[in-house]
Amino acid sequence: DYHVRVTVDGNLAGSTLACRWKQDDKSICWITQLVVHRNYRGVGLASGLLRTLLAYRDDVYGIMSSHPFACLAAASTFGSKYNLA
């Protein structure tokens, strides 16, 4: 499991939780939680949190969320390497 968080002026502004595994020679990264405090939304923190996960160079990225902004952040960050559920 991976946990990434971001602070602004010492305040927790957002975090993401993800898990990784291998399947059929593919590295999978599945985001199970993506949250940004309402006072810090709209400034790119969600995309920034997700971009930190790109450092691992997984083959497939997915996010478990029905929140439209979380899905949009994943789509813009991961491009064609995403699955929305």
N, C-alpha and C. Protein backbone atom coordinates (compact mmCIF):
# COMPACT_ATOMS: atom_id res chain seq x y z
N ASP A 1 0.83 -1.18 0.00
CA ASP A 1 0.00 0.00 0.00
C ASP A 1 0.88 1.25 0.00
N TYR A 2 0.42 2.27 -0.68
CA TYR A 2 1.15 3.53 -0.79
C TYR A 2 0.26 4.67 -0.32
N HIS A 3 0.82 5.57 0.44
CA HIS A 3 0.10 6.74 0.93
C HIS A 3 0.91 7.97 0.59
N VAL A 4 0.28 8.90 -0.10
CA VAL A 4 0.93 10.16 -0.45
C VAL A 4 0.05 11.27 0.11
N ARG A 5 0.67 12.27 0.71
CA ARG A 5 -0.12 13.38 1.25
C ARG A 5 0.55 14.68 0.87
N VAL A 6 -0.25 15.74 0.90
CA VAL A 6 0.25 17.07 0.60
C VAL A 6 -0.22 18.02 1.70
N THR A 7 0.69 18.89 2.11
CA THR A 7 0.34 19.91 3.10
C THR A 7 0.52 21.29 2.48
N VAL A 8 -0.27 22.23 2.97
CA VAL A 8 -0.17 23.63 2.57
C VAL A 8 -0.06 24.44 3.85
N ASP A 9 1.02 25.16 3.99
CA ASP A 9 1.27 25.96 5.19
C ASP A 9 1.12 25.14 6.47
N GLY A 10 1.60 23.90 6.43
CA GLY A 10 1.55 23.03 7.59
C GLY A 10 0.23 22.32 7.81
N ASN A 11 -0.76 22.57 6.96
CA ASN A 11 -2.07 21.92 7.09
C ASN A 11 -2.20 20.79 6.07
N LEU A 12 -2.73 19.66 6.51
CA LEU A 12 -2.99 18.57 5.59
C LEU A 12 -4.06 19.02 4.60
N ALA A 13 -3.71 19.03 3.32
CA ALA A 13 -4.62 19.52 2.29
C ALA A 13 -5.21 18.39 1.46
N GLY A 14 -4.51 17.26 1.37
CA GLY A 14 -5.03 16.15 0.59
C GLY A 14 -4.17 14.92 0.74
N SER A 15 -4.74 13.78 0.33
CA SER A 15 -3.98 12.53 0.37
C SER A 15 -4.57 11.53 -0.61
N THR A 16 -3.77 10.55 -0.92
CA THR A 16 -4.23 9.45 -1.76
C THR A 16 -3.65 8.14 -1.24
N LEU A 17 -4.42 7.09 -1.37
CA LEU A 17 -4.00 5.74 -1.01
C LEU A 17 -4.06 4.89 -2.27
N ALA A 18 -3.05 4.08 -2.47
CA ALA A 18 -3.02 3.23 -3.65
C ALA A 18 -2.41 1.88 -3.29
N CYS A 19 -2.73 0.87 -4.08
CA CYS A 19 -2.09 -0.42 -3.93
C CYS A 19 -1.56 -0.84 -5.30
N ARG A 20 -0.54 -1.68 -5.27
CA ARG A 20 0.11 -2.13 -6.50
C ARG A 20 0.24 -3.64 -6.48
N TRP A 21 0.16 -4.23 -7.69
CA TRP A 21 0.41 -5.66 -7.82
C TRP A 21 0.77 -5.95 -9.27
N LYS A 22 1.25 -7.16 -9.50
CA LYS A 22 1.60 -7.63 -10.85
C LYS A 22 0.57 -8.65 -11.29
N GLN A 23 0.19 -8.55 -12.56
CA GLN A 23 -0.70 -9.54 -13.15
C GLN A 23 -0.37 -9.65 -14.63
N ASP A 24 -0.15 -10.87 -15.08
CA ASP A 24 0.19 -11.12 -16.48
C ASP A 24 1.32 -10.22 -16.95
N ASP A 25 2.38 -10.13 -16.16
CA ASP A 25 3.56 -9.32 -16.48
C ASP A 25 3.27 -7.83 -16.58
N LYS A 26 2.16 -7.39 -16.02
CA LYS A 26 1.81 -5.96 -16.00
C LYS A 26 1.81 -5.48 -14.56
N SER A 27 2.31 -4.28 -14.36
CA SER A 27 2.30 -3.65 -13.05
C SER A 27 1.05 -2.78 -12.96
N ILE A 28 0.22 -3.02 -11.94
CA ILE A 28 -1.06 -2.33 -11.79
C ILE A 28 -1.00 -1.42 -10.58
N CYS A 29 -1.47 -0.21 -10.74
CA CYS A 29 -1.60 0.74 -9.64
C CYS A 29 -3.09 1.10 -9.53
N TRP A 30 -3.68 0.81 -8.39
CA TRP A 30 -5.10 1.06 -8.17
C TRP A 30 -5.26 2.06 -7.03
N ILE A 31 -5.82 3.21 -7.33
CA ILE A 31 -6.04 4.25 -6.33
C ILE A 31 -7.36 3.94 -5.63
N THR A 32 -7.28 3.75 -4.32
CA THR A 32 -8.47 3.41 -3.56
C THR A 32 -9.07 4.61 -2.85
N GLN A 33 -8.29 5.67 -2.72
CA GLN A 33 -8.82 6.88 -2.08
C GLN A 33 -8.05 8.10 -2.60
N LEU A 34 -8.79 9.14 -2.91
CA LEU A 34 -8.21 10.42 -3.30
C LEU A 34 -9.08 11.51 -2.69
N VAL A 35 -8.50 12.27 -1.78
CA VAL A 35 -9.26 13.33 -1.11
C VAL A 35 -8.45 14.62 -1.07
N VAL A 36 -9.15 15.72 -1.26
CA VAL A 36 -8.56 17.05 -1.11
C VAL A 36 -9.54 17.88 -0.28
N HIS A 37 -9.03 18.52 0.75
CA HIS A 37 -9.86 19.36 1.61
C HIS A 37 -10.53 20.44 0.77
N ARG A 38 -11.77 20.73 1.06
CA ARG A 38 -12.54 21.67 0.25
C ARG A 38 -11.89 23.04 0.15
N ASN A 39 -11.12 23.46 1.14
CA ASN A 39 -10.46 24.77 1.08
C ASN A 39 -9.32 24.82 0.08
N TYR A 40 -8.88 23.65 -0.40
CA TYR A 40 -7.73 23.59 -1.30
C TYR A 40 -8.08 22.98 -2.66
N ARG A 41 -9.35 22.85 -2.96
CA ARG A 41 -9.77 22.27 -4.23
C ARG A 41 -9.65 23.28 -5.37
N GLY A 42 -9.47 22.74 -6.56
CA GLY A 42 -9.43 23.58 -7.75
C GLY A 42 -8.07 24.18 -8.07
N VAL A 43 -7.03 23.76 -7.35
CA VAL A 43 -5.70 24.32 -7.62
C VAL A 43 -4.72 23.25 -8.10
N GLY A 44 -5.21 22.04 -8.39
CA GLY A 44 -4.36 21.00 -8.96
C GLY A 44 -3.73 20.05 -7.97
N LEU A 45 -4.15 20.08 -6.71
CA LEU A 45 -3.55 19.18 -5.72
C LEU A 45 -3.84 17.71 -6.02
N ALA A 46 -5.06 17.41 -6.45
CA ALA A 46 -5.41 16.01 -6.76
C ALA A 46 -4.53 15.47 -7.87
N SER A 47 -4.37 16.24 -8.93
CA SER A 47 -3.51 15.80 -10.03
C SER A 47 -2.06 15.68 -9.57
N GLY A 48 -1.63 16.57 -8.72
CA GLY A 48 -0.27 16.50 -8.19
C GLY A 48 -0.05 15.24 -7.36
N LEU A 49 -1.03 14.90 -6.54
CA LEU A 49 -0.94 13.67 -5.76
C LEU A 49 -0.84 12.45 -6.68
N LEU A 50 -1.67 12.44 -7.71
CA LEU A 50 -1.67 11.31 -8.64
C LEU A 50 -0.38 11.25 -9.45
N ARG A 51 0.18 12.41 -9.81
CA ARG A 51 1.44 12.42 -10.56
C ARG A 51 2.59 11.78 -9.78
N THR A 52 2.54 11.87 -8.45
CA THR A 52 3.61 11.23 -7.67
C THR A 52 3.60 9.71 -7.87
N LEU A 53 2.44 9.16 -8.17
CA LEU A 53 2.35 7.72 -8.41
C LEU A 53 2.97 7.32 -9.74
N LEU A 54 3.10 8.26 -10.67
CA LEU A 54 3.69 7.96 -11.97
C LEU A 54 5.18 7.62 -11.86
N ALA A 55 5.82 8.00 -10.78
CA ALA A 55 7.24 7.72 -10.60
C ALA A 55 7.54 6.22 -10.63
N TYR A 56 6.54 5.40 -10.34
CA TYR A 56 6.74 3.95 -10.31
C TYR A 56 6.59 3.32 -11.69
N ARG A 57 6.13 4.08 -12.67
CA ARG A 57 6.02 3.63 -14.06
C ARG A 57 5.23 2.33 -14.21
N ASP A 58 4.03 2.34 -13.67
CA ASP A 58 3.15 1.19 -13.79
C ASP A 58 2.61 1.10 -15.22
N ASP A 59 2.12 -0.08 -15.57
CA ASP A 59 1.54 -0.30 -16.90
C ASP A 59 0.08 0.13 -16.96
N VAL A 60 -0.63 -0.06 -15.84
CA VAL A 60 -2.06 0.22 -15.79
C VAL A 60 -2.36 1.00 -14.53
N TYR A 61 -3.18 2.05 -14.67
CA TYR A 61 -3.62 2.86 -13.53
C TYR A 61 -5.15 2.81 -13.48
N GLY A 62 -5.67 2.73 -12.28
CA GLY A 62 -7.12 2.74 -12.10
C GLY A 62 -7.47 3.50 -10.85
N ILE A 63 -8.71 3.97 -10.79
CA ILE A 63 -9.19 4.68 -9.61
C ILE A 63 -10.57 4.16 -9.26
N MET A 64 -10.78 3.92 -7.98
CA MET A 64 -12.07 3.46 -7.51
C MET A 64 -12.80 4.67 -6.93
N SER A 65 -13.53 5.34 -7.80
CA SER A 65 -14.25 6.53 -7.38
C SER A 65 -15.38 6.82 -8.34
N SER A 66 -16.46 7.36 -7.81
CA SER A 66 -17.53 7.84 -8.66
C SER A 66 -17.59 9.35 -8.66
N HIS A 67 -16.66 9.97 -7.92
CA HIS A 67 -16.64 11.43 -7.86
C HIS A 67 -16.10 11.97 -9.18
N PRO A 68 -16.86 12.83 -9.84
CA PRO A 68 -16.43 13.28 -11.17
C PRO A 68 -15.08 13.99 -11.19
N PHE A 69 -14.76 14.75 -10.17
CA PHE A 69 -13.47 15.45 -10.17
C PHE A 69 -12.31 14.50 -9.95
N ALA A 70 -12.51 13.46 -9.15
CA ALA A 70 -11.47 12.45 -8.98
C ALA A 70 -11.23 11.71 -10.29
N CYS A 71 -12.31 11.38 -10.99
CA CYS A 71 -12.18 10.70 -12.28
C CYS A 71 -11.50 11.59 -13.31
N LEU A 72 -11.85 12.86 -13.33
CA LEU A 72 -11.20 13.79 -14.27
C LEU A 72 -9.73 13.97 -13.95
N ALA A 73 -9.38 14.05 -12.67
CA ALA A 73 -7.98 14.18 -12.28
C ALA A 73 -7.21 12.95 -12.73
N ALA A 74 -7.79 11.76 -12.57
CA ALA A 74 -7.13 10.53 -13.00
C ALA A 74 -6.97 10.51 -14.52
N ALA A 75 -8.01 10.88 -15.23
CA ALA A 75 -7.95 10.88 -16.69
C ALA A 75 -6.90 11.85 -17.21
N SER A 76 -6.82 13.03 -16.63
CA SER A 76 -5.84 14.00 -17.10
C SER A 76 -4.42 13.62 -16.68
N THR A 77 -4.27 12.93 -15.57
CA THR A 77 -2.94 12.55 -15.09
C THR A 77 -2.41 11.31 -15.80
N PHE A 78 -3.25 10.30 -15.95
CA PHE A 78 -2.80 9.02 -16.48
C PHE A 78 -3.00 8.88 -17.98
N GLY A 79 -3.72 9.78 -18.61
CA GLY A 79 -3.93 9.70 -20.04
C GLY A 79 -4.63 8.41 -20.43
N SER A 80 -4.04 7.68 -21.34
CA SER A 80 -4.68 6.45 -21.84
C SER A 80 -4.44 5.26 -20.94
N LYS A 81 -3.69 5.42 -19.87
CA LYS A 81 -3.40 4.30 -18.96
C LYS A 81 -4.29 4.33 -17.74
N TYR A 82 -5.59 4.43 -17.91
CA TYR A 82 -6.47 4.47 -16.75
C TYR A 82 -7.70 3.63 -16.98
N ASN A 83 -8.29 3.19 -15.87
CA ASN A 83 -9.56 2.50 -15.86
C ASN A 83 -10.40 3.19 -14.80
N LEU A 84 -11.62 3.51 -15.12
CA LEU A 84 -12.49 4.16 -14.16
C LEU A 84 -13.52 3.15 -13.68
N ALA A 85 -13.71 3.06 -12.38
CA ALA A 85 -14.70 2.13 -11.84
C ALA A 85 -15.50 2.82 -10.76
